[in-house]
Amino acid sequence: MAKCDHSLDRLAPPSDHLQRATQFLTKVPSPQFEILDRPWVAFFEKRQKDLQFLTRSEAPHNQQSRLDRERNPPTVNTKVYVWSRGSDGKFERHIVCKRENEETLSHYRTSQKVYNSFWDEWDCCYSFADPSAAEVETGCSDSDEDDLNLPEAPIETMPAPLASENPSSSPPPTTAPTPPTVEQPVMRWVPRFRAPDRAHTYDVQTYPATEILHHFYGFVPPIPVPKRHPHQATLSEKDFRLFAAMVNEDGLDEGFRDSTIMQYCHKFVKGLQKNATPPNELFDLAIGNPKCIRGINHVRFLRKRGTNLISLVLPVPNVPWDLTVTNAIDVLFLCRLGASMTELELCYVLLQRGVQFHTLLPISSRDARPSSIPPTILPIRGAGYVFTATDYDAYIQERAALLRNTRIRRAALMTGGIVWHVVISEVSFPEALHGPTTASTIHGHGRFMPSPKSDYNYCDDTLSESEAEAISGRIYCYTGIRLSLLFFRHRY
């Protein structure tokens, strides 16, 4: 009606008023738009803070391996994580299947992926790149597949500091590092043993074999180490093979085999094989030994929790939880580590070795009450069923679905044993270093035990029996005669 009656045009507002009503000029943007959606910034800052503690007690061979990885970052035998938006529009960090590592890394440019040599992990995201930077890509194609139309933002990366550097000397860089160029092939580091003089005190970390023998069996070298053993024995190839198998080494360096310290190691192992006590001067549990474990400070801070748990409660803790192990052998292992190591450093060593431990956090009984964990249904096969590679692929998918749960990931890593061995390639160590998840502290899906303080309980993440069996690959197979069980042999 109004379109036909032009007499109403005089009632319309002026065009400049309409323009001002439909245009908005915001001189000061809202704070919520100033904060970019970059969760990886806080993530990398937290990682950098942890490394300031962890690199202090890094063993020489671990440091050399880390330096080798920095010069030549792996692309296959490593962990690759991708940051992508989830169903809620927020960025989430997901691990990539190991067989897809190399292909995934090839999809990202240099500025869109960051490698952490300490944790041996890649983090990839298209939004890592800085669109204002004029980057010259080397070895990457300029096809349309690489130039995806995704929002980009600069990243503040936190590369792992070297052990010789002062962690607090300089702030981390704010631009993504470029992968190192390797002109010479990186050779595998093989430690070379040098015969010490009379004034030398041998460090058990000089060689991995003596480090393992010290941490797990209590071997300590004499002080000082003489140039020649007073009762030198002729060792056969069988003796060397048995010793290498005992310390889980593929082989022994020739310099170490012919050294004086090898003679003492053989004498120590020989005492263990006879179900006798090794010589007092080589055993840290012997009274009178200069390095007797009774004199270690950590022994004074051990506290018993429940019936079979032992906690290490340091006088000046760095974390709100108590590091707890499950048996006396693991307690000795903790005490033999560096006396100046923090709880984070100790946890990292336990994770490396696959030793079971807990991080008991005291919480109010009013905050969370124990609740049962929903059972995981294990697969069942009927009589006469023939297993194929499809069953293994199905197991891999089911395990990946379980490991999407943060509580299960963390608890599986701290369980040790076969479960630890299965998930170590898919779960990042830092996930276990920062205490129980909200699944335990809020929802009560964890391990609870009474605390000496009234109205408080200790809690930690844990696996239910069915979850541990599902991760290990347990399948019920009915044979028609009796119930048998099948465990997949994992491909590593």
Protein backbone atom coordinates (compact mmCIF):
# COMPACT_ATOMS: atom_id res chain seq x y z
CA MET A 1 0.00 0.00 0.00
CA ALA A 2 2.82 2.39 0.99
CA LYS A 3 4.75 1.48 -2.18
CA CYS A 4 1.88 2.76 -4.30
CA ASP A 5 0.99 5.83 -2.25
CA HIS A 6 3.90 8.24 -2.76
CA SER A 7 2.23 10.83 -0.55
CA LEU A 8 3.67 8.92 2.43
CA ASP A 9 7.27 9.49 1.30
CA ARG A 10 7.40 12.70 3.29
CA LEU A 11 7.02 10.71 6.50
CA ALA A 12 10.18 8.63 5.85
CA PRO A 13 13.32 9.57 7.88
CA PRO A 14 16.21 11.22 6.05
CA SER A 15 18.68 8.87 4.39
CA ASP A 16 21.61 10.08 6.52
CA HIS A 17 19.67 9.12 9.68
CA LEU A 18 19.08 5.64 8.32
CA GLN A 19 22.77 5.29 7.55
CA ARG A 20 23.82 6.30 11.07
CA ALA A 21 21.31 3.89 12.59
CA THR A 22 22.72 0.90 10.68
CA GLN A 23 26.43 1.65 11.12
CA PHE A 24 28.46 1.07 14.29
CA LEU A 25 31.91 2.44 14.87
CA THR A 26 33.55 0.80 17.91
CA LYS A 27 36.56 2.81 19.01
CA VAL A 28 37.35 0.55 22.01
CA PRO A 29 36.66 -3.13 21.21
CA SER A 30 35.09 -5.28 23.85
CA PRO A 31 37.65 -7.14 26.02
CA GLN A 32 36.26 -10.51 25.00
CA PHE A 33 37.24 -9.83 21.39
CA GLU A 34 40.73 -8.71 22.34
CA ILE A 35 41.53 -12.08 23.90
CA LEU A 36 42.23 -14.44 21.04
CA ASP A 37 41.30 -18.08 21.24
CA ARG A 38 44.84 -19.38 21.71
CA PRO A 39 44.83 -22.02 24.46
CA TRP A 40 48.21 -23.30 23.34
CA VAL A 41 49.92 -20.18 24.73
CA ALA A 42 49.11 -21.12 28.35
CA PHE A 43 49.80 -24.76 27.48
CA PHE A 44 53.34 -24.05 26.30
CA GLU A 45 53.99 -21.70 29.21
CA LYS A 46 53.07 -24.51 31.63
CA ARG A 47 55.36 -26.91 29.80
CA GLN A 48 58.21 -24.43 29.95
CA LYS A 49 57.74 -24.00 33.69
CA ASP A 50 57.90 -27.77 34.23
CA LEU A 51 61.08 -28.09 32.18
CA GLN A 52 62.87 -25.66 34.46
CA PHE A 53 62.71 -28.36 37.14
CA LEU A 54 62.98 -31.49 35.01
CA THR A 55 66.13 -30.58 33.08
CA ARG A 56 68.14 -30.06 36.28
CA SER A 57 68.40 -33.80 37.01
CA GLU A 58 68.58 -35.01 33.42
CA ALA A 59 70.92 -37.99 33.07
CA PRO A 60 73.85 -37.56 30.65
CA HIS A 61 72.61 -40.19 28.19
CA ASN A 62 69.09 -38.72 28.28
CA GLN A 63 70.50 -35.26 27.62
CA GLN A 64 72.52 -36.57 24.67
CA SER A 65 69.42 -38.27 23.24
CA ARG A 66 67.48 -35.02 23.59
CA LEU A 67 70.21 -33.07 21.80
CA ASP A 68 70.20 -35.65 19.01
CA ARG A 69 66.46 -35.21 18.63
CA GLU A 70 66.86 -31.44 18.49
CA ARG A 71 69.31 -31.76 15.60
CA ASN A 72 67.19 -34.31 13.79
CA PRO A 73 63.54 -34.29 14.97
CA PRO A 74 61.87 -37.69 14.40
CA THR A 75 58.73 -37.90 12.31
CA VAL A 76 57.70 -41.55 12.73
CA ASN A 77 58.64 -42.87 16.18
CA THR A 78 57.29 -39.89 18.07
CA LYS A 79 54.03 -38.39 19.32
CA VAL A 80 52.09 -35.98 17.09
CA TYR A 81 49.27 -33.83 18.46
CA VAL A 82 46.89 -31.72 16.41
CA TRP A 83 45.02 -28.69 17.73
CA SER A 84 41.57 -28.45 16.17
CA ARG A 85 38.20 -27.02 17.09
CA GLY A 86 35.77 -29.36 18.78
CA SER A 87 31.99 -29.45 18.64
CA ASP A 88 31.82 -26.48 21.06
CA GLY A 89 34.04 -24.34 18.82
CA LYS A 90 37.00 -24.43 21.21
CA PHE A 91 40.44 -25.76 20.39
CA GLU A 92 41.22 -29.26 21.60
CA ARG A 93 44.49 -31.22 21.51
CA HIS A 94 44.23 -34.71 20.00
CA ILE A 95 46.92 -37.29 19.39
CA VAL A 96 47.40 -38.73 15.92
CA CYS A 97 47.64 -42.45 15.26
CA LYS A 98 51.31 -43.42 15.08
CA ARG A 99 51.10 -44.78 11.53
CA GLU A 100 49.79 -41.38 10.38
CA ASN A 101 52.52 -39.29 12.04
CA GLU A 102 54.64 -38.62 8.98
CA GLU A 103 51.67 -37.86 6.72
CA THR A 104 50.15 -35.50 9.29
CA LEU A 105 53.38 -33.55 9.73
CA SER A 106 53.67 -33.11 5.97
CA HIS A 107 50.36 -31.21 5.93
CA TYR A 108 51.71 -28.39 8.10
CA ARG A 109 54.22 -25.70 7.31
CA THR A 110 57.30 -24.92 9.35
CA SER A 111 55.55 -22.20 11.33
CA GLN A 112 52.50 -24.41 11.96
CA LYS A 113 54.25 -27.16 13.93
CA VAL A 114 56.43 -27.08 17.05
CA TYR A 115 58.65 -29.90 18.28
CA ASN A 116 59.49 -30.43 21.95
CA SER A 117 62.68 -32.48 22.15
CA PHE A 118 62.38 -33.15 25.89
CA TRP A 119 58.96 -34.81 25.65
CA ASP A 120 59.56 -35.99 22.05
CA GLU A 121 56.26 -34.48 20.87
CA TRP A 122 54.99 -32.46 17.94
CA ASP A 123 52.18 -29.92 18.24
CA CYS A 124 50.51 -28.93 14.98
CA CYS A 125 47.89 -26.32 14.22
CA TYR A 126 47.12 -24.15 11.20
CA SER A 127 46.51 -21.24 13.58
CA PHE A 128 50.09 -21.36 14.87
CA ALA A 129 51.34 -19.42 11.83
CA ASP A 130 51.64 -15.64 11.82
CA PRO A 131 49.89 -14.33 8.69
CA SER A 132 51.93 -11.08 8.81
CA ALA A 133 55.25 -12.93 8.65
CA ALA A 134 56.82 -13.27 5.23
CA GLU A 135 57.86 -16.86 5.58
CA VAL A 136 59.90 -18.65 2.98
CA GLU A 137 59.03 -22.32 3.11
CA THR A 138 61.68 -24.89 2.32
CA GLY A 139 60.71 -28.35 1.24
CA CYS A 140 56.96 -27.54 1.22
CA SER A 141 54.81 -27.26 -1.85
CA ASP A 142 52.82 -24.12 -2.66
CA SER A 143 49.71 -26.01 -3.65
CA ASP A 144 46.20 -25.02 -2.68
CA GLU A 145 46.07 -27.90 -0.21
CA ASP A 146 48.61 -26.20 2.07
CA ASP A 147 46.97 -22.77 1.94
CA LEU A 148 43.83 -23.64 3.85
CA ASN A 149 41.50 -20.76 4.62
CA LEU A 150 41.66 -21.04 8.41
CA PRO A 151 42.05 -18.36 11.09
CA GLU A 152 45.66 -17.84 12.03
CA ALA A 153 47.38 -16.33 15.04
CA PRO A 154 51.01 -16.18 16.19
CA ILE A 155 52.20 -18.66 18.76
CA GLU A 156 54.51 -18.13 21.69
CA THR A 157 56.52 -21.31 21.71
CA MET A 158 58.52 -22.61 24.62
CA PRO A 159 61.43 -24.75 23.40
CA ALA A 160 63.02 -27.00 25.99
CA PRO A 161 66.09 -25.41 27.61
CA LEU A 162 69.41 -27.17 27.66
CA ALA A 163 70.53 -28.61 30.96
CA SER A 164 73.56 -26.32 31.00
CA GLU A 165 71.47 -23.19 30.66
CA ASN A 166 70.01 -21.18 33.48
CA PRO A 167 66.21 -21.65 33.25
CA SER A 168 65.47 -18.17 34.51
CA SER A 169 68.15 -16.33 32.54
CA SER A 170 66.07 -15.12 29.61
CA PRO A 171 62.40 -15.09 28.59
CA PRO A 172 61.21 -17.60 25.96
CA PRO A 173 61.00 -16.47 22.35
CA THR A 174 57.67 -15.30 20.98
CA THR A 175 58.02 -16.71 17.48
CA ALA A 176 57.78 -20.28 16.35
CA PRO A 177 61.19 -21.93 15.97
CA THR A 178 62.27 -23.28 12.63
CA PRO A 179 63.32 -26.93 12.50
CA PRO A 180 67.10 -27.34 12.62
CA THR A 181 68.97 -28.08 9.43
CA VAL A 182 71.06 -31.20 9.64
CA GLU A 183 74.13 -31.24 7.47
CA GLN A 184 75.76 -34.26 9.06
CA PRO A 185 73.90 -37.48 10.02
CA VAL A 186 73.28 -37.84 13.74
CA MET A 187 75.05 -40.88 15.06
CA ARG A 188 73.72 -42.93 17.96
CA TRP A 189 75.43 -41.88 21.16
CA VAL A 190 77.58 -44.63 22.66
CA PRO A 191 79.24 -43.77 25.98
CA ARG A 192 82.95 -44.40 26.21
CA PHE A 193 84.42 -45.42 29.51
CA ARG A 194 87.72 -43.99 30.69
CA ALA A 195 89.73 -45.62 33.43
CA PRO A 196 89.72 -43.28 36.44
CA ASP A 197 92.74 -42.36 38.50
CA ARG A 198 92.99 -42.96 42.24
CA ALA A 199 91.35 -39.65 43.09
CA HIS A 200 88.31 -40.26 40.90
CA THR A 201 84.85 -40.91 42.32
CA TYR A 202 82.84 -42.80 39.72
CA ASP A 203 79.38 -41.45 38.88
CA VAL A 204 76.87 -44.24 38.32
CA GLN A 205 75.13 -42.11 35.66
CA THR A 206 78.25 -42.19 33.47
CA TYR A 207 77.01 -45.41 31.90
CA PRO A 208 73.38 -46.60 31.70
CA ALA A 209 74.28 -50.12 32.86
CA THR A 210 75.72 -48.96 36.18
CA GLU A 211 72.85 -46.49 36.59
CA ILE A 212 70.30 -49.30 36.37
CA LEU A 213 72.39 -51.53 38.62
CA HIS A 214 72.49 -48.78 41.23
CA HIS A 215 68.84 -47.68 41.11
CA PHE A 216 67.24 -51.13 41.12
CA TYR A 217 69.78 -53.34 42.88
CA GLY A 218 71.73 -51.00 45.15
CA PHE A 219 75.18 -51.20 43.54
CA VAL A 220 77.67 -48.52 44.59
CA PRO A 221 81.27 -48.43 43.34
CA PRO A 222 84.16 -48.27 45.79
CA ILE A 223 85.55 -44.87 46.70
CA PRO A 224 87.87 -44.20 44.99
CA VAL A 225 87.75 -46.56 42.03
CA PRO A 226 91.20 -48.11 41.62
CA LYS A 227 92.83 -48.39 38.24
CA ARG A 228 93.00 -52.16 38.57
CA HIS A 229 90.82 -54.65 40.45
CA PRO A 230 92.80 -56.43 43.20
CA HIS A 231 91.35 -59.82 42.20
CA GLN A 232 90.65 -59.44 38.51
CA ALA A 233 88.61 -62.26 36.97
CA THR A 234 88.52 -63.44 33.37
CA LEU A 235 84.99 -62.83 32.12
CA SER A 236 83.52 -64.95 29.37
CA GLU A 237 81.11 -63.86 26.66
CA LYS A 238 78.34 -65.60 28.60
CA ASP A 239 79.07 -63.40 31.63
CA PHE A 240 78.76 -60.28 29.48
CA ARG A 241 75.48 -61.47 27.95
CA LEU A 242 73.97 -62.25 31.35
CA PHE A 243 75.00 -58.87 32.70
CA ALA A 244 73.61 -57.05 29.64
CA ALA A 245 70.31 -58.92 30.00
CA MET A 246 70.13 -58.05 33.69
CA VAL A 247 70.47 -54.32 33.03
CA ASN A 248 68.28 -54.50 29.89
CA GLU A 249 71.04 -53.47 27.48
CA ASP A 250 71.44 -54.77 23.94
CA GLY A 251 75.20 -54.79 24.28
CA LEU A 252 78.09 -53.43 26.30
CA ASP A 253 80.70 -50.99 25.10
CA GLU A 254 84.14 -52.55 24.71
CA GLY A 255 85.71 -49.88 26.87
CA PHE A 256 83.27 -50.68 29.66
CA ARG A 257 83.74 -54.44 29.30
CA ASP A 258 87.51 -54.12 29.87
CA SER A 259 87.23 -51.55 32.67
CA THR A 260 87.78 -51.97 36.38
CA ILE A 261 84.19 -50.97 37.15
CA MET A 262 82.97 -53.96 35.13
CA GLN A 263 84.90 -56.24 37.46
CA TYR A 264 83.10 -54.75 40.45
CA CYS A 265 79.74 -55.02 38.67
CA HIS A 266 80.39 -58.69 37.94
CA LYS A 267 81.32 -59.34 41.57
CA PHE A 268 78.13 -57.60 42.71
CA VAL A 269 75.88 -59.53 40.31
CA LYS A 270 77.58 -62.80 41.20
CA GLY A 271 76.62 -62.24 44.84
CA LEU A 272 72.99 -61.71 43.86
CA GLN A 273 72.90 -64.86 41.72
CA LYS A 274 73.94 -67.01 44.66
CA ASN A 275 71.04 -65.71 46.76
CA ALA A 276 73.60 -64.17 49.07
CA THR A 277 74.40 -60.63 50.11
CA PRO A 278 76.80 -58.74 47.84
CA PRO A 279 80.03 -57.41 49.37
CA ASN A 280 79.41 -54.62 51.86
CA GLU A 281 81.62 -52.15 50.02
CA LEU A 282 79.41 -52.53 46.90
CA PHE A 283 75.93 -52.69 48.49
CA ASP A 284 74.07 -49.59 49.67
CA LEU A 285 71.91 -51.61 52.10
CA ALA A 286 74.96 -52.84 54.01
CA ILE A 287 75.67 -51.15 57.32
CA GLY A 288 79.02 -49.43 57.21
CA ASN A 289 78.93 -48.64 53.50
CA PRO A 290 79.86 -44.95 52.94
CA LYS A 291 76.79 -44.59 50.73
CA CYS A 292 74.41 -46.56 52.93
CA ILE A 293 70.81 -45.77 52.09
CA ARG A 294 70.06 -45.11 55.76
CA GLY A 295 71.86 -41.79 55.47
CA ILE A 296 69.71 -40.49 52.61
CA ASN A 297 67.39 -37.63 53.52
CA HIS A 298 64.39 -39.08 51.70
CA VAL A 299 64.21 -41.97 54.16
CA ARG A 300 63.24 -39.53 56.94
CA PHE A 301 60.25 -38.27 54.98
CA LEU A 302 58.53 -41.59 54.24
CA ARG A 303 55.00 -42.05 55.56
CA LYS A 304 52.83 -45.16 55.45
CA ARG A 305 49.38 -44.79 53.87
CA GLY A 306 46.91 -47.61 54.42
CA THR A 307 48.17 -51.17 54.26
CA ASN A 308 50.49 -51.20 51.24
CA LEU A 309 51.18 -47.59 50.23
CA ILE A 310 54.18 -45.46 51.19
CA SER A 311 54.25 -41.70 50.57
CA LEU A 312 57.19 -39.34 50.27
CA VAL A 313 56.27 -36.15 52.14
CA LEU A 314 59.04 -33.59 51.68
CA PRO A 315 59.34 -30.77 54.23
CA VAL A 316 59.04 -28.10 51.52
CA PRO A 317 56.74 -29.60 48.88
CA ASN A 318 56.44 -28.13 45.40
CA VAL A 319 53.07 -29.79 44.68
CA PRO A 320 49.81 -30.11 46.65
CA TRP A 321 49.80 -33.92 46.46
CA ASP A 322 51.94 -36.68 48.02
CA LEU A 323 54.02 -38.92 45.77
CA THR A 324 53.12 -42.49 46.75
CA VAL A 325 54.46 -45.90 45.66
CA THR A 326 53.08 -49.36 46.26
CA ASN A 327 55.97 -51.48 47.62
CA ALA A 328 59.30 -51.35 49.41
CA ILE A 329 61.34 -51.99 46.24
CA ASP A 330 59.97 -48.84 44.63
CA VAL A 331 60.65 -46.94 47.86
CA LEU A 332 64.32 -47.91 47.62
CA PHE A 333 64.31 -46.78 43.99
CA LEU A 334 62.97 -43.37 45.05
CA CYS A 335 65.58 -43.01 47.78
CA ARG A 336 68.43 -43.85 45.40
CA LEU A 337 67.53 -40.98 43.11
CA GLY A 338 68.99 -37.52 43.61
CA ALA A 339 68.35 -36.11 47.08
CA SER A 340 67.71 -32.64 45.60
CA MET A 341 65.08 -33.81 43.12
CA THR A 342 61.58 -32.34 43.42
CA GLU A 343 58.34 -34.30 43.24
CA LEU A 344 57.96 -33.48 39.54
CA GLU A 345 61.45 -34.78 38.78
CA LEU A 346 60.82 -37.97 40.75
CA CYS A 347 57.50 -38.56 38.96
CA TYR A 348 59.18 -38.09 35.60
CA VAL A 349 61.78 -40.76 36.41
CA LEU A 350 59.03 -43.15 37.55
CA LEU A 351 57.15 -42.55 34.30
CA GLN A 352 60.28 -43.27 32.29
CA ARG A 353 60.78 -46.59 34.07
CA GLY A 354 57.14 -47.69 34.09
CA VAL A 355 56.96 -47.82 37.90
CA GLN A 356 53.47 -47.68 39.41
CA PHE A 357 52.78 -44.69 41.64
CA HIS A 358 49.98 -42.45 42.91
CA THR A 359 49.60 -38.74 43.56
CA LEU A 360 47.39 -38.62 46.64
CA LEU A 361 45.66 -35.26 46.95
CA PRO A 362 43.93 -34.36 50.25
CA ILE A 363 40.44 -32.98 49.64
CA SER A 364 37.49 -32.25 51.89
CA SER A 365 35.01 -35.08 52.23
CA ARG A 366 32.30 -32.52 51.45
CA ASP A 367 33.78 -31.71 48.03
CA ALA A 368 33.67 -35.19 46.55
CA ARG A 369 32.40 -38.56 47.65
CA PRO A 370 33.54 -41.89 46.17
CA SER A 371 31.31 -43.19 43.41
CA SER A 372 31.60 -46.32 41.33
CA ILE A 373 33.17 -46.15 37.88
CA PRO A 374 30.82 -47.38 35.12
CA PRO A 375 32.03 -50.79 33.89
CA THR A 376 33.60 -51.18 30.48
CA ILE A 377 32.03 -53.92 28.37
CA LEU A 378 34.71 -56.31 27.10
CA PRO A 379 34.29 -57.90 23.65
CA ILE A 380 33.03 -61.48 23.43
CA ARG A 381 33.55 -64.00 20.64
CA GLY A 382 31.64 -67.22 20.13
CA ALA A 383 32.93 -70.76 19.76
CA GLY A 384 34.81 -71.42 16.54
CA TYR A 385 35.52 -67.76 15.86
CA VAL A 386 38.67 -67.14 13.81
CA PHE A 387 40.58 -63.99 14.77
CA THR A 388 41.88 -61.77 11.99
CA ALA A 389 43.64 -58.42 11.62
CA THR A 390 40.20 -56.77 11.70
CA ASP A 391 39.86 -57.72 15.37
CA TYR A 392 43.16 -56.02 16.14
CA ASP A 393 42.07 -52.88 14.29
CA ALA A 394 38.84 -52.89 16.28
CA TYR A 395 40.86 -53.16 19.50
CA ILE A 396 43.01 -50.19 18.47
CA GLN A 397 39.87 -48.09 17.90
CA GLU A 398 38.31 -49.14 21.21
CA ARG A 399 41.52 -48.37 23.07
CA ALA A 400 41.75 -44.95 21.40
CA ALA A 401 38.15 -44.23 22.45
CA LEU A 402 39.00 -45.10 26.07
CA LEU A 403 42.12 -42.94 26.06
CA ARG A 404 40.12 -39.87 25.10
CA ASN A 405 39.09 -39.76 28.75
CA THR A 406 41.62 -37.67 30.70
CA ARG A 407 41.22 -39.73 33.86
CA ILE A 408 41.84 -43.00 32.03
CA ARG A 409 44.84 -41.58 30.17
CA ARG A 410 46.50 -40.35 33.32
CA ALA A 411 45.69 -43.42 35.43
CA ALA A 412 46.91 -45.79 32.70
CA LEU A 413 50.24 -44.01 32.52
CA MET A 414 50.72 -44.26 36.30
CA THR A 415 49.63 -47.91 36.50
CA GLY A 416 52.95 -49.21 35.19
CA GLY A 417 53.51 -52.69 33.83
CA ILE A 418 51.80 -53.87 30.64
CA VAL A 419 49.20 -51.08 30.72
CA TRP A 420 51.97 -48.46 30.83
CA HIS A 421 53.78 -50.22 28.00
CA VAL A 422 50.65 -50.16 25.84
CA VAL A 423 49.75 -46.49 26.31
CA ILE A 424 53.21 -44.91 26.53
CA SER A 425 53.22 -44.18 22.80
CA GLU A 426 49.82 -42.46 22.97
CA VAL A 427 49.80 -40.55 26.25
CA SER A 428 52.01 -37.59 27.08
CA PHE A 429 54.02 -37.72 30.31
CA PRO A 430 53.03 -34.19 31.46
CA GLU A 431 49.44 -35.36 31.86
CA ALA A 432 50.49 -37.30 34.96
CA LEU A 433 52.51 -34.53 36.60
CA HIS A 434 49.79 -32.20 37.82
CA GLY A 435 47.64 -34.14 40.22
CA PRO A 436 44.24 -35.84 39.95
CA THR A 437 41.68 -34.77 37.38
CA THR A 438 38.24 -33.38 38.14
CA ALA A 439 36.79 -36.83 37.51
CA SER A 440 38.21 -37.77 40.91
CA THR A 441 38.22 -34.50 42.81
CA ILE A 442 34.66 -33.52 41.85
CA HIS A 443 32.82 -36.56 40.51
CA GLY A 444 34.44 -39.13 42.80
CA HIS A 445 35.51 -41.55 40.05
CA GLY A 446 38.88 -42.41 41.58
CA ARG A 447 40.77 -43.97 44.44
CA PHE A 448 39.84 -42.69 47.90
CA MET A 449 41.42 -43.42 51.25
CA PRO A 450 41.10 -41.76 54.67
CA SER A 451 43.43 -38.94 55.65
CA PRO A 452 44.87 -38.34 59.14
CA LYS A 453 43.12 -34.98 59.07
CA SER A 454 39.46 -35.18 60.01
CA ASP A 455 36.87 -34.56 57.30
CA TYR A 456 39.53 -35.08 54.62
CA ASN A 457 40.27 -37.91 52.20
CA TYR A 458 43.12 -38.71 49.88
CA CYS A 459 42.07 -39.13 46.26
CA ASP A 460 43.73 -39.93 42.96
CA ASP A 461 42.83 -41.12 39.48
CA THR A 462 42.60 -44.86 39.03
CA LEU A 463 41.56 -47.49 36.50
CA SER A 464 38.75 -49.92 37.09
CA GLU A 465 39.53 -53.58 36.49
CA SER A 466 37.49 -53.66 33.29
CA GLU A 467 39.23 -50.52 31.95
CA ALA A 468 42.67 -52.02 32.55
CA GLU A 469 41.60 -55.24 30.83
CA ALA A 470 40.16 -53.36 27.85
CA ILE A 471 43.35 -51.34 27.41
CA SER A 472 45.41 -54.53 27.59
CA GLY A 473 43.27 -56.10 24.87
CA ARG A 474 41.35 -58.73 26.78
CA ILE A 475 38.69 -60.67 24.85
CA TYR A 476 36.34 -63.35 26.14
CA CYS A 477 36.17 -66.26 23.74
CA TYR A 478 33.71 -69.09 24.33
CA THR A 479 35.04 -72.45 23.17
CA GLY A 480 32.08 -74.62 24.10
CA ILE A 481 34.18 -76.42 26.71
CA ARG A 482 35.44 -73.76 29.06
CA LEU A 483 35.96 -70.02 29.10
CA SER A 484 39.33 -69.00 27.72
CA LEU A 485 40.89 -65.57 27.45
CA LEU A 486 42.84 -63.98 24.66
CA PHE A 487 45.24 -61.05 24.91
CA PHE A 488 46.45 -59.42 21.75
CA ARG A 489 50.18 -59.33 21.22
CA HIS A 490 50.74 -55.65 20.68
CA ARG A 491 52.71 -54.34 17.76
CA TYR A 492 55.31 -51.88 18.97
